[in-house]
Amino acid sequence: MGAARANTAATAQQKLSGALWTLFSPLTIFSFCVGMGATGLLVHAFLSGPWTAMAAILGGVLFYRGIVRPVWNLIFQFASKPAETLAGSLAREAVAMSKFDTQGKGVVRVTVDGQLIRLLAFLDREDKANGVTVVPGDKLVVTGVDGQRNTCTVTRL
């Protein structure tokens, strides 16, 4: 029960943090100011000082919520998911494709961005020192990645 309560508190904190970032983003502030200024210019001839200010504030909120936010939501519907790289496969599962030799080298298969990639893997030092054997089909965990050499370090799952 305590874990569920902590999880709820963390979720509420994330929502509050996201709301504050949205509220103080440059886009929000700029849009609010544009809407406020335009509304103030339109209504200042018809309303007195305090009423003009209240109408301008309301106009700024309506401009952001009614025009800017829906346009940005529409634009972000077309955004693609960021591409994953080999470096993002840390702590992911890999499958041995070959038997690892006595030096702790072998070929593994890792899924990166929806594609199966085969690469040279080195067995973790502790596993190698303990004499762990790896045969095809064994499940491993990627513990290190060398993107320049296209290799990784793995340990037995």
Protein backbone atom coordinates (compact mmCIF):
# COMPACT_ATOMS: atom_id res chain seq x y z
CA MET A 1 0.00 0.00 0.00
CA GLY A 2 2.90 2.35 0.75
CA ALA A 3 4.41 1.79 -2.71
CA ALA A 4 1.11 2.70 -4.40
CA ARG A 5 0.90 5.88 -2.34
CA ALA A 6 4.50 6.81 -3.20
CA ASN A 7 3.82 6.10 -6.89
CA THR A 8 0.74 8.36 -6.78
CA ALA A 9 2.75 11.12 -5.13
CA ALA A 10 5.49 10.81 -7.76
CA THR A 11 2.90 10.97 -10.55
CA ALA A 12 1.30 14.07 -9.01
CA GLN A 13 4.72 15.70 -8.70
CA GLN A 14 5.48 14.93 -12.37
CA LYS A 15 2.17 16.44 -13.45
CA LEU A 16 2.82 19.57 -11.38
CA SER A 17 6.33 19.88 -12.81
CA GLY A 18 5.00 19.49 -16.36
CA ALA A 19 2.30 22.09 -15.73
CA LEU A 20 4.86 24.58 -14.41
CA TRP A 21 7.16 24.02 -17.40
CA THR A 22 4.22 24.59 -19.74
CA LEU A 23 3.09 27.69 -17.84
CA PHE A 24 6.51 29.34 -17.92
CA SER A 25 7.59 28.26 -21.39
CA PRO A 26 8.53 31.06 -23.80
CA LEU A 27 5.77 29.97 -26.18
CA THR A 28 3.09 30.31 -23.49
CA ILE A 29 4.35 33.65 -22.23
CA PHE A 30 4.74 35.11 -25.74
CA SER A 31 1.32 33.86 -26.87
CA PHE A 32 -0.34 35.20 -23.74
CA CYS A 33 1.30 38.61 -24.23
CA VAL A 34 0.28 38.79 -27.91
CA GLY A 35 -3.30 37.86 -27.06
CA MET A 36 -3.36 40.33 -24.18
CA GLY A 37 -1.97 43.16 -26.29
CA ALA A 38 -4.33 42.55 -29.19
CA THR A 39 -7.35 42.35 -26.90
CA GLY A 40 -6.26 45.49 -25.02
CA LEU A 41 -5.94 47.42 -28.28
CA LEU A 42 -9.38 46.28 -29.43
CA VAL A 43 -11.30 47.04 -26.23
CA HIS A 44 -9.57 50.12 -24.75
CA ALA A 45 -11.90 52.50 -26.58
CA PHE A 46 -15.00 50.77 -25.13
CA LEU A 47 -13.93 49.93 -21.55
CA SER A 48 -12.37 51.83 -18.65
CA GLY A 49 -8.92 51.01 -17.15
CA PRO A 50 -9.58 48.04 -14.83
CA TRP A 51 -12.09 46.48 -17.22
CA THR A 52 -9.65 46.83 -20.12
CA ALA A 53 -6.98 45.06 -18.07
CA MET A 54 -9.33 42.20 -17.14
CA ALA A 55 -10.51 41.85 -20.74
CA ALA A 56 -6.88 41.85 -21.93
CA ILE A 57 -5.97 39.08 -19.47
CA LEU A 58 -8.98 37.04 -20.56
CA GLY A 59 -8.09 37.67 -24.21
CA GLY A 60 -4.53 36.46 -23.61
CA VAL A 61 -5.75 33.23 -22.02
CA LEU A 62 -8.32 32.66 -24.78
CA PHE A 63 -5.76 33.35 -27.52
CA TYR A 64 -3.35 30.79 -26.09
CA ARG A 65 -5.95 28.13 -25.21
CA GLY A 66 -8.14 28.64 -28.29
CA ILE A 67 -5.63 29.27 -31.08
CA VAL A 68 -1.98 28.63 -30.21
CA ARG A 69 -2.34 25.43 -28.20
CA PRO A 70 -4.56 23.60 -30.74
CA VAL A 71 -2.20 24.58 -33.57
CA TRP A 72 0.84 23.25 -31.65
CA ASN A 73 -1.02 20.04 -30.77
CA LEU A 74 -1.81 19.57 -34.46
CA ILE A 75 1.82 20.16 -35.44
CA PHE A 76 3.15 17.71 -32.82
CA GLN A 77 0.88 14.96 -34.14
CA PHE A 78 3.22 14.74 -37.10
CA ALA A 79 6.40 14.48 -34.99
CA SER A 80 8.25 11.21 -35.30
CA LYS A 81 9.66 9.11 -32.52
CA PRO A 82 13.37 9.84 -31.98
CA ALA A 83 15.67 7.22 -33.46
CA GLU A 84 17.44 4.85 -31.12
CA THR A 85 21.15 4.17 -31.31
CA LEU A 86 23.31 1.30 -30.23
CA ALA A 87 24.24 3.25 -27.09
CA GLY A 88 20.59 3.08 -26.05
CA SER A 89 20.73 -0.69 -25.80
CA LEU A 90 22.45 -0.66 -22.39
CA ALA A 91 20.71 -2.99 -19.93
CA ARG A 92 18.70 -4.58 -22.73
CA GLU A 93 18.46 -8.24 -23.50
CA ALA A 94 20.75 -9.78 -26.10
CA VAL A 95 20.68 -13.31 -27.50
CA ALA A 96 23.87 -15.25 -28.20
CA MET A 97 24.14 -16.19 -31.88
CA SER A 98 27.37 -18.17 -31.52
CA LYS A 99 29.31 -19.99 -28.84
CA PHE A 100 31.67 -17.64 -27.02
CA ASP A 101 35.32 -18.64 -27.34
CA THR A 102 37.83 -19.08 -24.50
CA GLN A 103 38.72 -15.38 -24.72
CA GLY A 104 35.08 -14.47 -24.02
CA LYS A 105 34.21 -13.25 -27.54
CA GLY A 106 31.11 -14.13 -29.51
CA VAL A 107 28.31 -12.77 -31.68
CA VAL A 108 25.04 -11.54 -30.17
CA ARG A 109 21.77 -10.23 -31.53
CA VAL A 110 20.31 -6.99 -30.13
CA THR A 111 17.14 -5.16 -31.14
CA VAL A 112 17.82 -1.48 -31.87
CA ASP A 113 15.02 0.74 -33.15
CA GLY A 114 12.99 -2.29 -34.19
CA GLN A 115 15.83 -3.86 -36.17
CA LEU A 116 17.82 -6.95 -35.27
CA ILE A 117 21.52 -6.17 -35.21
CA ARG A 118 24.34 -8.67 -34.87
CA LEU A 119 27.52 -7.53 -33.24
CA LEU A 120 30.67 -8.76 -31.62
CA ALA A 121 30.30 -9.09 -27.87
CA PHE A 122 32.80 -9.51 -25.10
CA LEU A 123 31.88 -11.41 -21.96
CA ASP A 124 32.02 -9.37 -18.74
CA ARG A 125 35.31 -9.75 -16.81
CA GLU A 126 33.65 -11.38 -13.80
CA ASP A 127 31.79 -13.91 -15.94
CA LYS A 128 34.97 -14.64 -17.89
CA ALA A 129 36.96 -15.10 -14.65
CA ASN A 130 34.26 -17.42 -13.27
CA GLY A 131 34.41 -19.57 -16.40
CA VAL A 132 30.86 -18.87 -17.57
CA THR A 133 30.13 -20.55 -20.90
CA VAL A 134 27.78 -19.02 -23.44
CA VAL A 135 26.14 -21.11 -26.16
CA PRO A 136 23.81 -20.05 -28.99
CA GLY A 137 20.37 -19.07 -27.71
CA ASP A 138 21.54 -17.97 -24.25
CA LYS A 139 19.98 -14.76 -22.99
CA LEU A 140 22.45 -12.05 -22.01
CA VAL A 141 22.30 -8.46 -20.77
CA VAL A 142 24.23 -5.65 -22.46
CA THR A 143 26.41 -3.95 -19.82
CA GLY A 144 28.56 -1.77 -22.05
CA VAL A 145 28.59 -0.43 -25.62
CA ASP A 146 31.44 0.75 -27.84
CA GLY A 147 29.69 2.60 -30.67
CA GLN A 148 32.91 3.31 -32.55
CA ARG A 149 33.91 -0.36 -32.79
CA ASN A 150 30.32 -1.64 -32.95
CA THR A 151 30.92 -3.99 -30.04
CA CYS A 152 29.33 -4.55 -26.66
CA THR A 153 30.04 -6.13 -23.30
CA VAL A 154 27.53 -8.65 -22.02
CA THR A 155 26.82 -10.66 -18.91
CA ARG A 156 24.77 -13.78 -18.38
CA LEU A 157 21.13 -13.18 -17.48
